[in-house]
Protein backbone atom coordinates (compact mmCIF):
# COMPACT_ATOMS: atom_id res chain seq x y z
CA MET A 1 -0.03 -0.27 0.08
CA THR A 2 3.09 2.24 0.79
CA ASN A 3 4.74 1.90 -2.14
CA ALA A 4 1.52 2.36 -4.39
CA PHE A 5 1.14 5.56 -2.68
CA LEU A 6 4.34 6.67 -3.66
CA LEU A 7 4.12 5.73 -7.47
CA VAL A 8 1.45 7.99 -7.80
CA LEU A 9 2.97 10.45 -5.84
CA LEU A 10 5.83 10.08 -8.26
CA VAL A 11 3.23 10.45 -11.33
CA TYR A 12 1.53 13.47 -9.77
CA CYS A 13 5.42 15.07 -8.99
CA ILE A 14 6.25 14.85 -12.96
CA ALA A 15 3.41 15.89 -14.07
CA ASN A 16 3.34 19.08 -12.11
CA PHE A 17 7.56 19.40 -11.71
CA ARG A 18 7.35 22.89 -13.42
CA ARG A 19 5.41 24.26 -10.56
CA ILE A 20 8.41 23.24 -8.51
CA PRO A 21 11.31 26.34 -8.42
CA ARG A 22 14.97 25.77 -8.25
CA SER A 23 15.42 25.40 -4.91
CA SER A 24 18.68 25.73 -2.89
CA MET A 25 18.00 22.08 -1.60
CA ARG A 26 16.36 20.70 -4.84
CA SER A 27 19.89 19.26 -6.28
CA PHE A 28 20.41 17.19 -3.07
CA VAL A 29 16.83 15.79 -2.65
CA LEU A 30 17.33 14.51 -5.94
CA LEU A 31 20.61 13.05 -5.72
CA LEU A 32 19.02 11.31 -2.10
CA MET A 33 15.91 9.59 -3.89
CA ILE A 34 17.36 8.54 -6.89
CA LEU A 35 21.28 7.07 -5.99
CA PRO A 36 19.50 4.29 -3.42
CA PHE A 37 17.93 3.38 -6.85
CA VAL A 38 21.69 2.73 -8.72
CA SER A 39 22.54 0.82 -5.28
CA ILE A 40 20.51 -2.17 -6.85
CA ILE A 41 22.87 -2.72 -9.31
CA GLY A 42 24.93 -4.00 -6.43
CA SER A 43 22.41 -5.97 -4.87
CA PHE A 44 21.74 -7.53 -8.45
CA THR A 45 25.52 -8.38 -9.47
CA ILE A 46 26.99 -9.48 -5.86
CA HIS A 47 24.32 -10.56 -3.84
CA GLY A 48 21.57 -12.09 -6.44
CA GLN A 49 18.91 -10.05 -5.42
CA ASN A 50 16.62 -10.10 -8.34
CA VAL A 51 15.60 -6.35 -9.78
CA ASN A 52 12.26 -6.47 -8.82
CA GLU A 53 12.99 -6.86 -4.82
CA GLY A 54 15.40 -4.51 -5.37
CA SER A 55 13.05 -1.94 -6.83
CA ARG A 56 10.49 -2.79 -4.25
CA ALA A 57 13.03 -2.84 -1.06
CA THR A 58 14.15 0.89 -2.30
CA LEU A 59 10.95 2.37 -3.11
CA PHE A 60 10.70 4.34 0.19
CA THR A 61 13.27 6.39 -1.10
CA LEU A 62 10.64 7.90 -3.05
CA THR A 63 9.46 9.42 0.42
CA TYR A 64 11.63 12.18 -1.12
CA LEU A 65 9.08 13.27 -2.95
CA PHE A 66 7.16 14.89 0.17
CA TYR A 67 9.78 17.84 -0.21
CA PHE A 68 8.45 18.54 -3.81
CA ILE A 69 4.79 18.08 -2.45
CA LEU A 70 5.56 20.83 -0.10
CA TYR A 71 6.50 23.07 -2.93
CA ILE A 72 3.41 21.99 -5.57
CA LEU A 73 0.70 22.84 -3.08
CA LYS A 74 2.73 26.08 -2.09
CA ILE A 75 2.61 25.18 2.17
CA ASP A 76 3.50 28.31 4.12
CA TYR A 77 7.04 28.02 5.51
CA GLN A 78 5.21 29.30 8.96
CA VAL A 79 2.91 26.91 9.09
CA VAL A 80 5.35 24.14 8.20
CA LEU A 81 7.38 25.29 11.29
CA LYS A 82 4.43 26.07 13.38
CA MET A 83 3.40 22.39 13.02
CA SER A 84 6.82 20.71 13.63
CA VAL A 85 7.25 23.15 17.09
CA CYS A 86 3.30 21.31 17.91
CA PHE A 87 4.64 17.72 16.87
CA GLY A 88 7.45 18.76 19.07
CA LEU A 89 5.54 19.21 22.00
CA PHE A 90 3.26 16.61 21.48
CA TRP A 91 6.29 14.67 21.46
CA VAL A 92 7.18 15.37 25.02
CA ILE A 93 3.93 15.52 26.36
CA MET A 94 3.87 11.79 25.22
CA GLU A 95 6.98 11.22 26.91
CA ILE A 96 5.99 12.43 29.79
CA VAL A 97 2.49 10.75 30.30
CA GLN A 98 3.39 7.56 29.37
CA GLN A 99 5.74 7.28 32.39
CA PHE A 100 2.40 7.23 33.99
CA THR A 101 0.95 4.72 32.09
CA TYR A 102 2.95 1.05 31.87
CA PRO A 103 1.99 -1.07 31.04
CA THR A 104 0.19 0.51 28.78
CA VAL A 105 1.66 2.05 25.48
CA TRP A 106 0.18 4.15 23.11
CA PHE A 107 3.37 5.45 21.23
CA ALA A 108 7.05 3.56 21.34
CA THR A 109 9.54 1.39 19.25
CA ARG A 110 10.67 -0.10 22.30
CA ILE A 111 7.69 -2.49 24.11
CA ALA A 112 7.46 -5.36 26.53
CA SER A 113 6.85 -8.91 24.89
CA LEU A 114 7.25 -12.12 26.63
CA ASP A 115 10.95 -12.49 26.34
CA ASN A 116 11.74 -8.68 26.41
CA ASP A 117 10.96 -6.01 29.14
CA VAL A 118 10.81 -2.66 28.34
CA GLU A 119 14.11 -0.71 29.46
CA ILE A 120 14.69 1.14 32.59
CA ARG A 121 17.42 3.89 32.80
CA ASN A 122 17.77 6.66 34.80
CA GLY A 123 14.43 5.70 36.70
CA ILE A 124 12.75 6.04 33.39
CA TYR A 125 11.05 3.76 30.83
CA ARG A 126 13.10 3.98 27.95
CA TYR A 127 10.70 3.97 24.84
CA ASN A 128 12.44 5.86 22.31
CA MET A 129 8.92 6.99 21.13
CA GLU A 130 9.28 8.43 17.49
CA GLY A 131 9.35 12.13 16.67
CA ARG A 132 12.43 13.04 18.63
CA GLU A 133 13.24 15.20 14.95
CA PHE A 134 10.42 17.35 16.39
CA GLY A 135 11.46 17.59 19.71
CA LEU A 136 14.65 19.06 18.60
CA LEU A 137 13.21 21.94 16.35
CA LEU A 138 11.09 22.47 19.53
CA LEU A 139 14.55 22.68 21.88
CA PHE A 140 16.25 24.59 18.94
CA TYR A 141 13.74 27.35 17.82
CA SER A 142 12.74 28.14 21.52
CA PHE A 143 16.30 28.29 22.27
CA GLN A 144 17.07 30.50 19.48
CA ARG A 145 13.91 32.83 20.25
CA PHE A 146 14.82 32.95 23.69
CA LEU A 147 17.96 34.49 23.14
CA GLU A 148 16.42 37.15 20.98
CA LYS A 149 14.09 37.98 23.24
CA PRO A 150 13.38 36.34 26.60
CA ARG A 151 10.19 35.30 27.25
CA LYS A 152 8.65 32.71 29.68
CA LYS A 153 6.87 30.88 26.15
CA TYR A 154 10.53 30.18 25.12
CA LEU A 155 11.80 29.37 28.57
CA ALA A 156 9.09 26.59 28.63
CA GLY A 157 9.87 25.42 25.08
CA ILE A 158 13.38 25.21 26.31
CA ILE A 159 12.48 23.38 29.43
CA LEU A 160 9.87 21.33 27.64
CA GLY A 161 12.50 20.36 24.91
CA LEU A 162 15.71 19.72 27.17
CA THR A 163 13.00 17.32 29.40
CA GLY A 164 12.12 15.48 25.96
CA VAL A 165 16.12 14.76 25.24
CA TYR A 166 16.45 13.82 28.49
CA MET A 167 13.41 10.81 28.96
CA LEU A 168 14.76 9.88 25.26
CA ALA A 169 18.38 8.71 27.57
CA THR A 170 19.97 8.73 24.40
CA ARG A 171 23.96 9.17 25.07
CA GLN A 172 24.97 10.91 21.90
CA VAL A 173 21.58 12.93 21.18
CA MET A 174 22.06 14.55 25.01
CA ALA A 175 25.90 15.19 24.30
CA ALA A 176 24.92 16.63 20.60
CA SER A 177 21.75 18.75 22.17
CA VAL A 178 24.20 20.51 24.69
CA LEU A 179 26.97 21.14 22.00
CA CYS A 180 24.43 22.65 19.52
CA LEU A 181 23.21 24.86 22.31
CA LEU A 182 26.65 26.01 23.45
CA TYR A 183 26.82 26.83 19.29
CA ALA A 184 24.12 28.87 19.12
CA MET A 185 25.49 31.34 21.65
CA LEU A 186 28.66 31.39 19.97
CA ALA A 187 26.89 32.10 16.98
CA MET A 188 24.23 34.57 17.78
CA HIS A 189 27.12 36.44 20.62
CA LYS A 190 25.00 35.66 23.39
CA LEU A 191 27.83 33.43 25.75
CA LYS A 192 26.38 35.47 28.85
CA PHE A 193 26.29 34.07 32.30
CA PHE A 194 22.88 33.42 32.57
CA SER A 195 22.31 31.06 29.24
CA PHE A 196 26.31 29.47 30.13
CA PHE A 197 24.81 29.23 33.82
CA MET A 198 22.21 27.10 31.95
CA ILE A 199 23.76 24.99 29.42
CA SER A 200 26.81 24.00 32.43
CA VAL A 201 23.59 23.13 35.03
CA ILE A 202 22.71 20.92 32.25
CA ALA A 203 25.91 19.23 31.17
CA ILE A 204 26.40 18.43 35.49
CA LEU A 205 22.91 16.85 35.45
CA ILE A 206 24.16 14.62 32.62
CA TYR A 207 27.68 13.96 34.22
CA CYS A 208 26.05 13.55 37.84
CA ASN A 209 24.01 11.04 36.08
CA MET A 210 26.01 9.03 33.85
CA GLU A 211 26.01 5.86 35.84
CA SER A 212 22.26 5.93 35.76
CA LEU A 213 22.26 6.71 32.41
CA PHE A 214 25.17 4.52 31.19
CA GLY A 215 25.67 1.81 33.90
CA ASP A 216 22.97 -0.50 32.10
CA TYR A 217 24.03 0.00 28.78
CA ILE A 218 27.99 -1.04 29.74
CA GLU A 219 26.02 -3.93 32.12
CA MET A 220 24.22 -4.90 29.32
CA SER A 221 27.29 -5.07 26.92
CA GLU A 222 29.09 -6.96 29.15
CA ASP A 223 26.95 -9.38 30.06
CA ILE A 224 26.73 -10.07 26.10
CA ASN A 225 30.35 -9.58 25.45
CA GLU A 226 29.61 -7.04 23.04
CA ASP A 227 31.38 -4.14 24.17
CA ASN A 228 32.74 -3.10 20.87
CA ILE A 229 29.45 -4.26 18.83
CA ARG A 230 29.23 -0.79 17.38
CA LEU A 231 33.44 -1.04 16.35
CA LEU A 232 32.76 -4.31 15.22
CA SER A 233 29.92 -3.31 12.70
CA TYR A 234 32.13 -0.11 11.02
CA ASP A 235 34.59 -2.55 10.45
CA PHE A 236 32.30 -5.15 9.16
CA TYR A 237 30.30 -2.94 7.01
CA GLY A 238 32.81 -0.36 6.13
CA ILE A 239 35.53 -2.85 5.17
CA GLU A 240 35.32 -6.29 5.50
CA TYR A 241 31.85 -6.75 3.53
CA ASN A 242 32.90 -4.74 0.46
CA LYS A 243 36.03 -7.66 0.31
CA GLY A 244 37.52 -5.08 -1.91
CA GLN A 245 35.39 -5.03 -4.68
CA ILE A 246 34.92 -1.64 -6.64
CA LEU A 247 31.05 -2.10 -7.19
CA PRO A 248 29.90 -1.97 -3.81
CA ILE A 249 32.59 1.08 -2.84
CA LEU A 250 31.13 2.73 -5.67
CA PHE A 251 27.42 2.57 -5.79
CA GLY A 252 26.93 -0.19 -2.84
CA ASN A 253 25.11 -3.26 -1.73
CA GLY A 254 22.05 -2.27 -1.92
CA VAL A 255 19.01 -2.36 0.06
CA GLU A 256 18.11 -5.92 1.53
CA GLY A 257 14.82 -7.13 0.38
CA MET A 258 12.81 -10.31 0.75
CA SER A 259 15.75 -12.32 -0.46
CA ALA A 260 18.92 -14.57 0.37
CA TYR A 261 20.90 -11.25 0.48
CA GLY A 262 18.05 -10.05 3.31
CA ARG A 263 18.46 -13.46 5.13
CA GLU A 264 22.07 -12.84 5.44
CA ILE A 265 21.92 -9.17 6.57
CA GLY A 266 19.20 -11.24 8.92
CA ASN A 267 21.77 -13.72 10.47
CA MET A 268 24.26 -10.57 10.36
CA GLN A 269 21.57 -8.02 12.57
CA ASP A 270 21.13 -11.51 15.28
CA MET A 271 24.65 -10.98 16.41
CA GLY A 272 24.74 -6.87 16.83
CA LEU A 273 25.57 -5.67 13.22
CA PHE A 274 22.85 -3.09 12.26
CA ARG A 275 24.22 -0.93 9.23
CA ALA A 276 21.28 1.79 10.89
CA ASP A 277 23.49 1.79 13.70
CA ILE A 278 26.71 3.20 12.27
CA GLY A 279 25.31 6.29 10.41
CA ILE A 280 26.91 7.20 7.63
CA VAL A 281 29.42 4.37 7.34
CA GLY A 282 25.67 2.53 7.16
CA MET A 283 24.71 4.76 4.31
CA TYR A 284 28.15 3.33 2.47
CA SER A 285 27.78 0.10 2.74
CA TRP A 286 23.83 0.63 1.36
CA TYR A 287 24.24 3.48 -1.24
CA GLY A 288 27.99 3.80 -1.95
CA ILE A 289 30.74 6.32 -1.79
CA PHE A 290 28.31 8.89 -4.38
CA TYR A 291 25.66 8.85 -1.66
CA VAL A 292 28.25 9.36 1.25
CA LEU A 293 29.64 12.51 -0.87
CA THR A 294 26.35 13.85 -1.81
CA VAL A 295 25.90 13.90 2.19
CA LEU A 296 29.21 15.48 2.78
CA SER A 297 28.16 18.03 0.29
CA PHE A 298 25.16 18.88 2.33
CA PHE A 299 27.54 19.44 4.94
CA ILE A 300 29.63 22.11 3.46
CA TYR A 301 26.63 23.67 1.61
CA ILE A 302 24.95 24.37 4.84
CA THR A 303 28.52 25.40 6.27
CA ALA A 304 29.06 28.10 3.57
CA LYS A 305 25.32 29.39 3.71
CA ARG A 306 25.30 29.41 7.45
CA LYS A 307 24.79 33.51 7.38
CA TYR A 308 21.33 33.01 5.38
CA ILE A 309 20.53 30.02 7.58
CA ASP A 310 18.26 30.67 10.95
CA VAL A 311 20.33 29.70 13.61
CA TYR A 312 17.75 27.23 15.09
CA LEU A 313 18.28 25.64 11.56
CA GLN A 314 21.89 25.78 11.71
CA MET A 315 21.29 23.97 15.42
CA TYR A 316 19.95 21.10 13.61
CA VAL A 317 22.37 20.52 10.66
CA MET A 318 25.59 20.30 13.34
CA PHE A 319 23.01 17.83 15.19
CA MET A 320 22.91 15.75 12.14
CA LEU A 321 26.60 16.24 11.74
CA VAL A 322 27.83 15.44 14.81
CA THR A 323 25.71 12.50 15.30
CA SER A 324 26.11 11.09 11.55
CA VAL A 325 28.78 8.87 12.80
CA MET A 326 26.20 7.22 14.72
CA LEU A 327 22.91 8.07 13.29
CA HIS A 328 21.18 7.42 9.51
CA HIS A 329 19.40 10.94 9.04
CA PHE A 330 19.06 10.65 5.21
CA GLY A 331 17.60 7.41 4.06
CA TYR A 332 16.95 4.48 6.27
CA SER A 333 13.08 4.59 6.90
CA PRO A 334 10.07 6.63 5.48
CA HIS A 335 9.29 8.87 8.17
CA HIS A 336 12.90 9.89 8.72
CA ILE A 337 12.92 10.94 5.30
CA MET A 338 10.01 13.02 5.52
CA THR A 339 11.24 14.75 8.51
CA LEU A 340 14.36 15.37 6.57
CA CYS A 341 12.28 16.84 3.95
CA ILE A 342 10.88 19.40 6.22
CA ILE A 343 14.28 21.00 7.34
CA LEU A 344 15.07 20.87 3.87
CA TYR A 345 12.24 22.87 3.01
CA LEU A 346 12.54 24.94 5.84
CA ILE A 347 16.28 25.94 5.04
CA ASP A 348 15.42 26.82 1.68
CA ASN A 349 12.67 29.71 2.75
CA SER A 350 15.22 30.44 5.51
CA ILE A 351 18.03 30.93 2.88
CA LYS A 352 14.97 33.06 0.14
CA SER A 353 13.71 35.03 3.33
CA ARG A 354 17.00 36.28 4.70
CA LYS A 355 18.73 36.81 1.07
CA ASN A 356 15.38 38.99 0.46
CA ILE A 357 16.43 40.93 3.58
CA THR A 358 19.81 41.62 2.58
CA ASN A 359 19.20 42.90 -1.37
CA ILE A 360 16.98 45.23 0.26
CA LYS A 361 19.52 46.44 2.86
CA MET A 362 22.10 46.79 0.21
CA PRO A 363 21.92 50.60 -1.22
């Protein structure tokens, strides 16, 4: 059903392609959407997965069409921003509410089963609820606005955003969020005592809770003798799996489907080797070096154009950059891609509006 819907969107976008402007992010979106289909060559020639199955497994990358839909339907930039912040608020509220509803759970990717109970970290249930991207937008947007004009509603947004990040209980997200807040203060020349004090308190809280936050993970890793499982994944998918062949290096191994290739990857995952857990190396294994170069070009472009991009969006891209070693932000699942489309759409409009302001100010 999802694939059929995406094919309908493809036809609709092709029919309305002239209505899509030559925006800053358009080239990146096209490459991120098309390059995974090139990797079908790898899954066919290297792993024997037939083209039909490879196409079916890769079709989810057409979710990038959502970016073009926003332009075709002319969705207002402010509407997209407000809806994203509202989604972030909902995410935080549900993270809080679900702490008191166990064992009843409405939204989670980590749920109890007969042989697997919900993980408890730092005294909270860790559901890993989807939507953290919107929670980060809530945090970063509120922080920028608070630095510009301190108001209670922005302070409330910061507190709620930080609460959501804390309840997510993911180490790299916590650390990257604090780093992004520090970056915002430097970028906006607002590194004042109060702001620095706030960040210091957050960092101290995380440090003081290191054992409760990370102790369970360390203990679990020791019990299953997989202390370096992520390093093993980097080595396996980054070097060993390609066996020095040029084709998977250039175009990737492709997305696994219901095939012998899929069963092989399933066996690797049973041993704890997940490509989704090794960020850009996982992207390289799936889609090849050209895909990785596209991702790196995106980060370079944003850095070069940062004076035209709102700070909260700079913060989000910085979050993507510093966590890209461990998190897959670009082509892993439809909902991650759809969220990225929103970010790219916001960046486009930020660049456009700030350039217009700059041109007006010029004599």
